[in-house]
Amino acid sequence: MALASRRQGRWGLALAVLALGGLAAGGVLVWWGLREEPPASVVIELERPAVGVSTRVTASFAEPRGGLGNIRLELQQGERVEQVAAASFARPGLGGGPRTAEHVLDAALGSRHQAWLAEGELTIRAVADRAAGFLRSPAPVTVERRVPVRLRPPRLQVVSSGHYLRQGGAGVVVIEIDEAAARSGVRAGDREFRSYPLPGGSSRQRLVLFGVPWQGVAAAEVRAFAEDAAGNRAEQAFVNGLKPVARRKETIELGPAFLERVVTAIAAETPGFDASGSLLEQYLRINRDMRRADLQRVAELTGASEERPLWQGSFLQLPDSKRMAGFAETRTYRFEGREVDTQTHLGLDLASTARAEVPAANAGRVVAAGWFGIYGRAVLLDHGCGLASLYGHLSEVAVTAGQSVARGQTIGRTGMTGLAGGDHLHFEVFVQGLSVDPIEWLDAHWMQDNVLARLPASR
């Protein structure tokens, strides 16, 4: 009897321990299911601050602890609600498993995609549920963003007249826009040129100094534009004539002595220069890759141009100089009787006496002075409103970056640094990073008719 009683006591104790363990486990599960968790994170981002013809919206959802359940992105204007994107994710099993902690929904908005949109206000709504589970609620989170809907383009008017252009040349146009325009300028083919305040004009008048790419652009592709924050855009043709220009072709024979001189000098001035391969291979990398990088550097340096004209009158040519090579000439390079490269020369080569003083072609601000890749020692001047000039192959540089210079002030001396075959000045003109024909800027008559006459302060 006593033995049986002891056995029954042990079994009872074991059952009691198991019961208590079960209660504890159940309590843990209840606590796990009912514990306080942070809600899902939802962030809405728009490509533009307003909705117009077409823009993109992105909603980013995150629930790193329990994972996401159902998510959706919808639009509402008035009584109309339209879902534009959604996703659902399976909840993890009791033993855990894969869960979706983050996801992104995106959609295209605008009158092109939702023809029912009207001007006014639009609500963009993103809703996220957590992955539901045992004692775990979806706890939906809703985030809304209200944005304006604008469907009419800003007003645009071309004020100036008589726009006759040359392929590879430049032009100046005066436009008038309304307060809805967030940006304006001129489109020439696939390039855009921003506008600047018109000196002496009204607050709504803008000056656009633009270039015409030297190949592949027709007159109808040169158009003034105005665009609002929603992407609504107005364009207007204004070109009266676009003259094609025949360009010269030149063949340059490369010799061992020339390669030795220019490659060695450029390598010495270029940190990290790739000296692998033969001198010809190194030269070709300079002529192709460094040339491309130098033009990109010009565009970057002149991107923050003064918002007013710094130039005064026509531009000066190197005194007593002869034009040796012109703009947009095709150069074919030959080595030991075979063609090895073809490049386009984007400037004027002007020859005078050796080490001749080089004047600033016009007033401006020095944005670069010193070694400049294929140009050797060079000076780059900003003349305001996106206009810049470069003076290359110098033997000496007489100015420093940040310095203001006057028209005719000496900025250096001619030389044969960089990819120069002899002592001369390489003179190049840029409009918002695009090389244009310098001949126009050295022509006082062209300057007066096409640039100065369009500036109220110069009339």
Protein backbone atom coordinates (compact mmCIF):
# COMPACT_ATOMS: atom_id res chain seq x y z
CA MET A 1 0.00 0.00 0.00
CA ALA A 2 2.72 2.46 0.96
CA LEU A 3 4.64 1.72 -2.29
CA ALA A 4 1.52 2.30 -4.41
CA SER A 5 0.82 5.55 -2.59
CA ARG A 6 4.36 6.79 -3.26
CA ARG A 7 4.06 5.92 -6.97
CA GLN A 8 0.73 7.72 -7.20
CA GLY A 9 2.31 10.79 -5.53
CA ARG A 10 5.18 10.87 -8.03
CA TRP A 11 2.77 10.58 -10.95
CA GLY A 12 0.67 13.35 -9.51
CA LEU A 13 3.71 15.57 -9.10
CA ALA A 14 4.80 14.84 -12.67
CA LEU A 15 1.36 15.68 -14.01
CA ALA A 16 1.30 18.87 -11.99
CA VAL A 17 4.71 19.88 -13.37
CA LEU A 18 3.53 19.13 -16.89
CA ALA A 19 0.39 21.16 -16.33
CA LEU A 20 2.35 24.06 -14.99
CA GLY A 21 4.75 23.78 -17.94
CA GLY A 22 1.85 23.78 -20.35
CA LEU A 23 0.37 26.83 -18.69
CA ALA A 24 3.74 28.58 -18.86
CA ALA A 25 4.19 27.70 -22.52
CA GLY A 26 0.68 28.87 -23.24
CA GLY A 27 1.40 32.06 -21.38
CA VAL A 28 4.53 32.59 -23.44
CA LEU A 29 2.57 32.05 -26.66
CA VAL A 30 -0.12 34.46 -25.53
CA TRP A 31 2.54 37.02 -24.55
CA TRP A 32 4.30 36.49 -27.89
CA GLY A 33 1.10 37.03 -29.80
CA LEU A 34 -0.16 39.97 -27.78
CA ARG A 35 3.12 41.75 -27.19
CA GLU A 36 3.38 45.35 -28.42
CA GLU A 37 5.10 45.53 -31.84
CA PRO A 38 6.03 48.55 -33.92
CA PRO A 39 3.67 49.14 -36.87
CA ALA A 40 4.76 48.61 -40.46
CA SER A 41 6.73 51.45 -42.01
CA VAL A 42 5.32 53.12 -45.15
CA VAL A 43 7.02 55.89 -47.15
CA ILE A 44 5.58 57.53 -50.28
CA GLU A 45 7.95 59.28 -52.72
CA LEU A 46 7.09 61.22 -55.87
CA GLU A 47 9.28 61.88 -58.89
CA ARG A 48 7.78 65.40 -59.12
CA PRO A 49 6.10 67.69 -56.56
CA ALA A 50 2.92 67.75 -58.68
CA VAL A 51 1.06 65.38 -61.01
CA GLY A 52 0.70 66.31 -64.68
CA VAL A 53 0.95 64.29 -67.86
CA SER A 54 3.12 61.53 -66.41
CA THR A 55 5.18 61.00 -63.27
CA ARG A 56 6.08 58.05 -61.04
CA VAL A 57 5.14 57.35 -57.44
CA THR A 58 6.97 54.86 -55.21
CA ALA A 59 5.70 53.40 -51.94
CA SER A 60 8.24 51.58 -49.75
CA PHE A 61 6.88 49.14 -47.15
CA ALA A 62 8.84 47.53 -44.29
CA GLU A 63 7.96 45.20 -41.38
CA PRO A 64 11.24 43.51 -40.40
CA ARG A 65 9.94 41.59 -37.33
CA GLY A 66 6.86 39.70 -38.48
CA GLY A 67 6.86 40.40 -42.20
CA LEU A 68 4.38 42.06 -44.51
CA GLY A 69 0.91 40.75 -45.36
CA ASN A 70 -1.18 42.71 -47.84
CA ILE A 71 -0.03 46.04 -49.30
CA ARG A 72 -1.64 48.37 -51.82
CA LEU A 73 -1.24 51.75 -53.46
CA GLU A 74 -4.28 53.73 -54.53
CA LEU A 75 -5.42 57.12 -55.77
CA GLN A 76 -8.41 59.17 -54.74
CA GLN A 77 -9.85 62.32 -56.25
CA GLY A 78 -13.31 63.30 -55.14
CA GLU A 79 -15.39 60.14 -54.76
CA ARG A 80 -13.31 58.12 -57.20
CA VAL A 81 -10.79 55.62 -55.81
CA GLU A 82 -8.50 53.56 -58.05
CA GLN A 83 -5.96 50.95 -56.99
CA VAL A 84 -2.79 51.24 -59.06
CA ALA A 85 -0.57 48.56 -57.45
CA ALA A 86 -0.86 45.79 -54.84
CA ALA A 87 0.88 42.70 -53.49
CA SER A 88 0.13 39.92 -50.95
CA PHE A 89 2.57 37.75 -49.03
CA ALA A 90 1.94 34.41 -47.28
CA ARG A 91 2.32 34.43 -43.50
CA PRO A 92 5.03 32.25 -41.91
CA GLY A 93 3.91 28.97 -40.34
CA LEU A 94 3.99 28.18 -36.61
CA GLY A 95 7.54 27.00 -36.92
CA GLY A 96 8.62 30.18 -38.64
CA GLY A 97 9.76 30.26 -42.24
CA PRO A 98 10.40 32.79 -44.97
CA ARG A 99 8.82 36.20 -44.54
CA THR A 100 8.80 39.35 -46.63
CA ALA A 101 10.25 42.15 -44.55
CA GLU A 102 10.39 44.82 -47.30
CA HIS A 103 8.71 45.54 -50.61
CA VAL A 104 8.29 48.44 -53.02
CA LEU A 105 5.28 49.30 -55.15
CA ASP A 106 5.49 51.84 -57.94
CA ALA A 107 3.10 53.19 -60.53
CA ALA A 108 2.78 55.80 -63.24
CA LEU A 109 0.48 58.73 -62.46
CA GLY A 110 -0.92 61.44 -64.68
CA SER A 111 -3.46 62.22 -67.37
CA ARG A 112 -1.66 59.85 -69.75
CA HIS A 113 -2.36 56.94 -67.39
CA GLN A 114 -5.54 58.02 -65.54
CA ALA A 115 -7.68 59.91 -68.04
CA TRP A 116 -10.21 60.74 -65.30
CA LEU A 117 -7.84 63.04 -63.41
CA ALA A 118 -8.87 66.68 -63.18
CA GLU A 119 -6.97 69.75 -62.01
CA GLY A 120 -7.12 70.14 -58.26
CA GLU A 121 -5.84 67.90 -55.47
CA LEU A 122 -5.06 64.19 -55.57
CA THR A 123 -4.69 61.87 -52.57
CA ILE A 124 -2.11 59.12 -52.86
CA ARG A 125 -2.74 56.41 -50.29
CA ALA A 126 -0.50 53.49 -49.28
CA VAL A 127 -1.87 50.77 -46.96
CA ALA A 128 0.15 47.98 -45.32
CA ASP A 129 -1.00 44.98 -43.24
CA ARG A 130 1.36 42.93 -41.13
CA ALA A 131 1.43 39.22 -41.84
CA ALA A 132 -1.40 37.86 -39.61
CA GLY A 133 -0.75 34.85 -37.43
CA PHE A 134 -1.67 33.10 -34.18
CA LEU A 135 -2.82 35.87 -31.82
CA ARG A 136 -1.24 38.42 -34.20
CA SER A 137 -3.47 41.03 -35.82
CA PRO A 138 -2.77 42.58 -39.24
CA ALA A 139 -2.53 46.05 -37.59
CA PRO A 140 -3.03 47.96 -40.87
CA VAL A 141 -1.10 51.19 -41.42
CA THR A 142 -2.33 53.89 -43.81
CA VAL A 143 -0.19 56.75 -45.10
CA GLU A 144 -1.57 59.50 -47.34
CA ARG A 145 0.02 62.24 -49.37
CA ARG A 146 -1.89 65.05 -51.05
CA VAL A 147 -0.42 66.59 -54.19
CA PRO A 148 -1.67 69.12 -56.73
CA VAL A 149 -2.78 68.03 -60.20
CA ARG A 150 -1.82 70.43 -63.02
CA LEU A 151 -2.74 69.61 -66.58
CA ARG A 152 -2.16 72.87 -68.48
CA PRO A 153 1.36 73.78 -69.69
CA PRO A 154 2.87 77.13 -68.71
CA ARG A 155 2.61 80.09 -71.06
CA LEU A 156 5.52 80.58 -73.47
CA GLN A 157 6.19 83.36 -75.98
CA VAL A 158 9.26 84.01 -78.12
CA VAL A 159 9.98 87.74 -77.88
CA SER A 160 13.03 88.15 -80.14
CA SER A 161 12.94 87.67 -83.93
CA GLY A 162 15.22 87.05 -86.91
CA HIS A 163 16.94 83.87 -85.76
CA TYR A 164 19.28 82.68 -88.54
CA LEU A 165 21.68 79.97 -87.42
CA ARG A 166 24.62 77.96 -88.74
CA GLN A 167 25.14 74.25 -88.13
CA GLY A 168 27.63 74.08 -85.28
CA GLY A 169 26.99 77.71 -84.38
CA ALA A 170 25.19 79.48 -81.56
CA GLY A 171 22.24 81.77 -81.05
CA VAL A 172 20.47 83.94 -78.50
CA VAL A 173 16.70 84.03 -78.03
CA VAL A 174 14.57 86.02 -75.60
CA ILE A 175 11.45 84.29 -74.27
CA GLU A 176 8.64 85.27 -71.92
CA ILE A 177 7.10 82.79 -69.49
CA ASP A 178 4.53 82.88 -66.69
CA GLU A 179 4.93 82.08 -63.01
CA ALA A 180 3.92 78.42 -63.53
CA ALA A 181 7.18 77.64 -65.39
CA ALA A 182 9.72 75.86 -63.21
CA ARG A 183 12.32 75.62 -65.98
CA SER A 184 12.71 77.01 -69.47
CA GLY A 185 15.22 77.27 -72.30
CA VAL A 186 15.91 75.86 -75.76
CA ARG A 187 15.98 72.28 -76.97
CA ALA A 188 18.27 71.57 -79.92
CA GLY A 189 17.88 67.94 -80.89
CA ASP A 190 18.48 65.94 -77.70
CA ARG A 191 20.36 68.76 -75.91
CA GLU A 192 18.75 71.34 -73.65
CA PHE A 193 20.05 74.80 -72.79
CA ARG A 194 18.68 76.54 -69.70
CA SER A 195 17.50 80.13 -69.61
CA TYR A 196 18.87 83.01 -67.53
CA PRO A 197 17.31 86.27 -66.29
CA LEU A 198 17.26 88.86 -69.09
CA PRO A 199 19.42 91.84 -68.03
CA GLY A 200 17.25 94.95 -68.06
CA GLY A 201 14.12 92.92 -68.90
CA SER A 202 10.98 92.10 -66.92
CA SER A 203 10.92 89.36 -64.30
CA ARG A 204 9.14 87.05 -66.75
CA GLN A 205 11.60 87.54 -69.60
CA ARG A 206 14.47 85.11 -69.97
CA LEU A 207 17.64 85.01 -72.07
CA VAL A 208 18.71 81.71 -73.65
CA LEU A 209 22.17 81.35 -75.12
CA PHE A 210 22.14 78.04 -76.99
CA GLY A 211 24.25 76.00 -79.39
CA VAL A 212 23.34 73.98 -82.47
CA PRO A 213 25.16 70.62 -82.60
CA TRP A 214 27.46 70.58 -85.61
CA GLN A 215 25.73 67.58 -87.16
CA GLY A 216 22.36 65.85 -87.22
CA VAL A 217 19.97 68.64 -86.13
CA ALA A 218 17.29 70.23 -88.33
CA ALA A 219 15.76 73.71 -87.89
CA ALA A 220 12.48 72.21 -86.68
CA GLU A 221 14.36 70.47 -83.83
CA VAL A 222 15.49 73.79 -82.34
CA ARG A 223 12.61 74.92 -80.12
CA ALA A 224 12.03 77.13 -77.10
CA PHE A 225 10.39 75.38 -74.15
CA ALA A 226 8.82 76.05 -70.77
CA GLU A 227 8.00 73.30 -68.27
CA ASP A 228 6.17 73.38 -64.92
CA ALA A 229 6.83 71.31 -61.79
CA ALA A 230 4.32 68.68 -62.95
CA GLY A 231 6.18 68.11 -66.24
CA ASN A 232 3.63 69.89 -68.45
CA ARG A 233 5.62 71.38 -71.30
CA ALA A 234 5.07 74.01 -73.97
CA GLU A 235 7.38 74.23 -76.99
CA GLN A 236 7.59 76.77 -79.79
CA ALA A 237 9.63 76.81 -83.01
CA PHE A 238 11.41 80.11 -83.69
CA VAL A 239 14.30 79.46 -86.12
CA ASN A 240 14.02 81.36 -89.42
CA GLY A 241 16.86 79.49 -91.11
CA LEU A 242 19.59 76.93 -90.39
CA LYS A 243 22.52 76.97 -92.79
CA PRO A 244 24.54 73.77 -93.34
CA VAL A 245 28.30 74.19 -93.22
CA ALA A 246 30.80 72.04 -95.12
CA ARG A 247 33.65 70.90 -92.89
CA ARG A 248 37.23 70.23 -93.90
CA LYS A 249 38.98 66.91 -93.59
CA GLU A 250 42.61 66.54 -92.63
CA THR A 251 45.08 63.68 -92.41
CA ILE A 252 47.73 63.75 -89.68
CA GLU A 253 50.80 61.54 -89.91
CA LEU A 254 52.04 60.34 -86.52
CA GLY A 255 55.77 59.76 -86.11
CA PRO A 256 57.79 58.10 -83.33
CA ALA A 257 59.38 61.39 -82.24
CA PHE A 258 55.98 63.10 -81.88
CA LEU A 259 54.55 60.17 -79.91
CA GLU A 260 57.56 60.12 -77.61
CA ARG A 261 57.29 63.83 -76.88
CA VAL A 262 53.55 64.18 -76.28
CA VAL A 263 52.91 60.86 -74.52
CA THR A 264 55.85 61.31 -72.14
CA ALA A 265 54.83 64.87 -71.25
CA ILE A 266 51.14 64.05 -70.72
CA ALA A 267 52.01 60.94 -68.66
CA ALA A 268 54.22 63.04 -66.39
CA GLU A 269 51.34 65.47 -65.70
CA THR A 270 48.59 62.84 -65.27
CA PRO A 271 48.38 60.95 -61.95
CA GLY A 272 47.46 57.30 -62.48
CA PHE A 273 48.32 57.41 -66.18
CA ASP A 274 47.99 54.01 -67.89
CA ALA A 275 51.45 53.47 -69.40
CA SER A 276 50.74 49.92 -70.58
CA GLY A 277 51.27 48.97 -74.20
CA SER A 278 53.23 50.73 -76.92
CA LEU A 279 53.55 54.50 -77.31
CA LEU A 280 50.94 54.33 -80.08
CA GLU A 281 48.49 52.49 -77.83
CA GLN A 282 49.04 55.04 -75.08
CA TYR A 283 48.58 57.89 -77.57
CA LEU A 284 45.30 56.43 -78.83
CA ARG A 285 43.96 56.19 -75.28
CA ILE A 286 44.87 59.86 -74.79
CA ASN A 287 43.31 60.89 -78.09
CA ARG A 288 40.08 59.01 -77.40
CA ASP A 289 39.47 58.53 -73.68
CA MET A 290 41.27 61.59 -72.32
CA ARG A 291 39.69 63.80 -74.98
CA ARG A 292 36.23 62.57 -73.91
CA ALA A 293 37.06 63.07 -70.21
CA ASP A 294 38.35 66.60 -70.84
CA LEU A 295 35.13 67.64 -72.57
CA GLN A 296 33.15 66.21 -69.66
CA ARG A 297 35.31 68.18 -67.24
CA VAL A 298 34.61 71.40 -69.18
CA ALA A 299 30.87 70.75 -68.93
CA GLU A 300 31.15 70.19 -65.17
CA LEU A 301 33.34 73.27 -64.55
CA THR A 302 31.09 75.58 -66.56
CA GLY A 303 27.83 74.20 -65.16
CA ALA A 304 27.69 76.88 -62.44
CA SER A 305 28.01 79.80 -64.85
CA GLU A 306 27.35 83.36 -63.70
CA GLU A 307 23.68 84.24 -64.18
CA ARG A 308 24.50 87.44 -66.04
CA PRO A 309 26.60 88.30 -69.09
CA LEU A 310 30.20 89.10 -68.15
CA TRP A 311 31.30 89.72 -71.75
CA GLN A 312 31.56 93.21 -73.22
CA GLY A 313 31.38 93.68 -76.99
CA SER A 314 32.83 91.27 -79.53
CA PHE A 315 35.53 88.69 -78.78
CA LEU A 316 39.21 89.21 -79.56
CA GLN A 317 41.35 86.95 -81.73
CA LEU A 318 44.98 86.26 -80.85
CA PRO A 319 46.74 89.35 -82.31
CA ASP A 320 48.57 88.96 -85.64
CA SER A 321 47.55 85.31 -85.85
CA LYS A 322 46.73 83.04 -88.76
CA ARG A 323 43.96 80.45 -88.63
CA MET A 324 45.58 77.06 -89.15
CA ALA A 325 42.68 74.67 -88.42
CA GLY A 326 38.94 75.21 -88.09
CA PHE A 327 35.96 74.01 -86.13
CA ALA A 328 34.53 70.50 -86.55
CA GLU A 329 37.25 69.37 -88.95
CA THR A 330 37.54 65.61 -89.28
CA ARG A 331 41.05 64.43 -88.51
CA THR A 332 42.26 61.03 -89.66
CA TYR A 333 45.41 59.85 -87.90
CA ARG A 334 47.90 57.57 -89.71
CA PHE A 335 50.88 55.67 -88.35
CA GLU A 336 53.36 53.80 -90.53
CA GLY A 337 51.04 54.00 -93.52
CA ARG A 338 47.81 52.84 -91.87
CA GLU A 339 44.82 54.63 -90.37
CA VAL A 340 44.72 54.30 -86.57
CA ASP A 341 42.12 56.84 -85.38
CA THR A 342 39.57 59.49 -86.37
CA GLN A 343 38.57 62.47 -84.22
CA THR A 344 36.79 65.81 -84.63
CA HIS A 345 38.70 69.03 -83.94
CA LEU A 346 36.38 71.33 -81.97
CA GLY A 347 38.05 74.73 -82.00
CA LEU A 348 40.35 77.07 -83.90
CA ASP A 349 44.11 76.67 -84.12
CA LEU A 350 45.71 80.14 -84.27
CA ALA A 351 49.41 80.60 -84.97
CA SER A 352 51.50 83.68 -84.28
CA THR A 353 55.08 84.07 -83.09
CA ALA A 354 56.42 81.52 -80.62
CA ARG A 355 55.39 82.18 -77.01
CA ALA A 356 53.09 85.03 -78.07
CA GLU A 357 51.02 86.74 -75.38
CA VAL A 358 47.45 85.39 -75.26
CA PRO A 359 44.72 87.89 -74.37
CA ALA A 360 41.38 86.95 -72.80
CA ALA A 361 38.94 87.07 -75.70
CA ASN A 362 36.46 88.81 -73.43
CA ALA A 363 35.80 89.65 -69.80
CA GLY A 364 35.09 86.72 -67.53
CA ARG A 365 36.06 84.63 -64.53
CA VAL A 366 38.80 81.98 -64.51
CA VAL A 367 37.32 78.58 -63.65
CA ALA A 368 40.45 76.53 -64.44
CA ALA A 369 44.11 77.39 -64.99
CA GLY A 370 46.89 74.83 -65.32
CA TRP A 371 47.28 71.37 -66.83
CA PHE A 372 44.16 70.21 -68.68
CA GLY A 373 44.71 66.84 -70.36
CA ILE A 374 44.94 66.93 -74.17
CA TYR A 375 44.93 70.76 -74.07
CA GLY A 376 48.17 70.79 -72.07
CA ARG A 377 48.49 73.98 -70.04
CA ALA A 378 45.22 75.81 -70.48
CA VAL A 379 42.90 78.51 -69.17
CA LEU A 380 39.12 78.15 -69.06
CA LEU A 381 37.02 81.32 -68.70
CA ASP A 382 33.35 81.65 -67.78
CA HIS A 383 31.70 84.61 -69.54
CA GLY A 384 28.28 84.17 -67.91
CA CYS A 385 24.93 82.74 -69.05
CA GLY A 386 26.60 79.42 -69.95
CA LEU A 387 29.23 80.89 -72.31
CA ALA A 388 32.87 79.83 -71.85
CA SER A 389 36.16 79.97 -73.76
CA LEU A 390 39.24 77.75 -73.52
CA TYR A 391 42.86 78.60 -74.40
CA GLY A 392 44.99 75.49 -74.87
CA HIS A 393 48.59 74.34 -75.51
CA LEU A 394 50.00 77.27 -73.51
CA SER A 395 53.63 77.43 -72.50
CA GLU A 396 52.80 79.70 -69.55
CA VAL A 397 49.66 80.46 -67.54
CA ALA A 398 49.41 83.96 -66.05
CA VAL A 399 46.13 83.70 -64.10
CA THR A 400 44.64 81.59 -61.31
CA ALA A 401 41.24 79.97 -60.78
CA GLY A 402 38.66 82.35 -59.33
CA GLN A 403 40.32 85.45 -60.76
CA SER A 404 38.30 87.97 -62.79
CA VAL A 405 39.90 89.08 -66.05
CA ALA A 406 39.22 91.97 -68.41
CA ARG A 407 38.81 91.78 -72.17
CA GLY A 408 42.32 91.80 -73.67
CA GLN A 409 44.12 91.01 -70.39
CA THR A 410 47.10 88.64 -70.86
CA ILE A 411 46.28 85.20 -69.46
CA GLY A 412 49.29 83.25 -70.78
CA ARG A 413 51.59 82.58 -73.72
CA THR A 414 51.25 80.25 -76.69
CA GLY A 415 53.13 76.96 -76.67
CA MET A 416 53.04 73.31 -77.71
CA THR A 417 51.90 71.46 -74.57
CA GLY A 418 49.36 68.64 -74.69
CA LEU A 419 48.52 67.20 -78.11
CA ALA A 420 50.16 70.03 -80.05
CA GLY A 421 52.43 69.51 -83.04
CA GLY A 422 53.90 73.02 -82.85
CA ASP A 423 53.60 76.37 -81.10
CA HIS A 424 50.04 77.72 -81.46
CA LEU A 425 46.86 78.57 -79.54
CA HIS A 426 43.88 76.23 -79.50
CA PHE A 427 40.84 78.50 -78.99
CA GLU A 428 37.54 76.78 -78.18
CA VAL A 429 34.12 78.22 -77.29
CA PHE A 430 31.47 76.36 -75.27
CA VAL A 431 27.78 77.05 -74.71
CA GLN A 432 26.57 75.12 -71.66
CA GLY A 433 29.21 72.45 -72.31
CA LEU A 434 28.67 72.16 -76.07
CA SER A 435 31.55 73.18 -78.35
CA VAL A 436 30.39 75.76 -80.91
CA ASP A 437 32.12 77.49 -83.82
CA PRO A 438 34.43 80.23 -82.43
CA ILE A 439 34.39 82.09 -85.78
CA GLU A 440 31.03 83.63 -84.92
CA TRP A 441 32.25 85.03 -81.60
CA LEU A 442 35.27 86.65 -83.28
CA ASP A 443 32.97 88.39 -85.81
CA ALA A 444 31.95 91.83 -84.47
CA HIS A 445 29.08 92.10 -86.97
CA TRP A 446 27.65 88.69 -85.95
CA MET A 447 28.02 89.57 -82.27
CA GLN A 448 26.12 92.83 -82.69
CA ASP A 449 23.23 91.35 -84.70
CA ASN A 450 22.81 88.04 -82.89
CA VAL A 451 23.88 88.66 -79.30
CA LEU A 452 24.30 92.28 -78.25
CA ALA A 453 21.17 93.54 -80.01
CA ARG A 454 19.05 91.12 -78.01
CA LEU A 455 20.26 92.48 -74.66
CA PRO A 456 18.22 95.50 -73.49
CA ALA A 457 21.19 96.80 -71.49
CA SER A 458 23.32 96.85 -74.67
CA ARG A 459 20.85 98.69 -76.90
